[in-house]
Amino acid sequence: MAGGGRAHAYELVWPAPGLDGMLGTCHSLDVPLVLGNRHGSLSALLLGAEPPAETEVVARHFVTAWAAFAHTGDPGRPAYDTRRRAVAVFDTDLTTTSYPEDASRALWAGHAFAPLPLPDLTGDPLACDSRALGGDTGTVA
């Protein structure tokens, strides 16, 4: 890596069973799998009130990798590099493959992204600057 360190990449492809699967593999699904909380409010939303048995299989893959990384610095798979682009793919089976979205990565590789403008949060937390939307500055009631 450019800074001289190592990086280990992963992609979660196991779909969230909560809400009849309508979320698919969504942002933050890995949190209850890694942290072991399968019955909190976020977990119930993502995993369902009674998570299916395969939840524990996927969670075990995560916990094993994260614990190994915390203990030794090695999650049990190759580090990501620009030649091989090794990515762990978490599902009921854990596999390692070259980056699965390489066509998308290549498409954006030469694009320079401009920074996004940030809102000014130094004033009244209830104030709303609508000038960015073409309106006047107002206060949210």
Foldseek 3Di string as FASTA:
>chain_A
DVVPDFAAAAAEQAFFPAPVRPQGPHPPPCVCLQVVPCQDPVNCRRQNNDRDPLSVLLSVLNNQQVVCCVVPVGSPDDTADPPFQWYWYGYSDIDIHHPPPVVVCVVCVPPDDDDDDDDDCPDDVQWDCCVVVVDHTDGDD
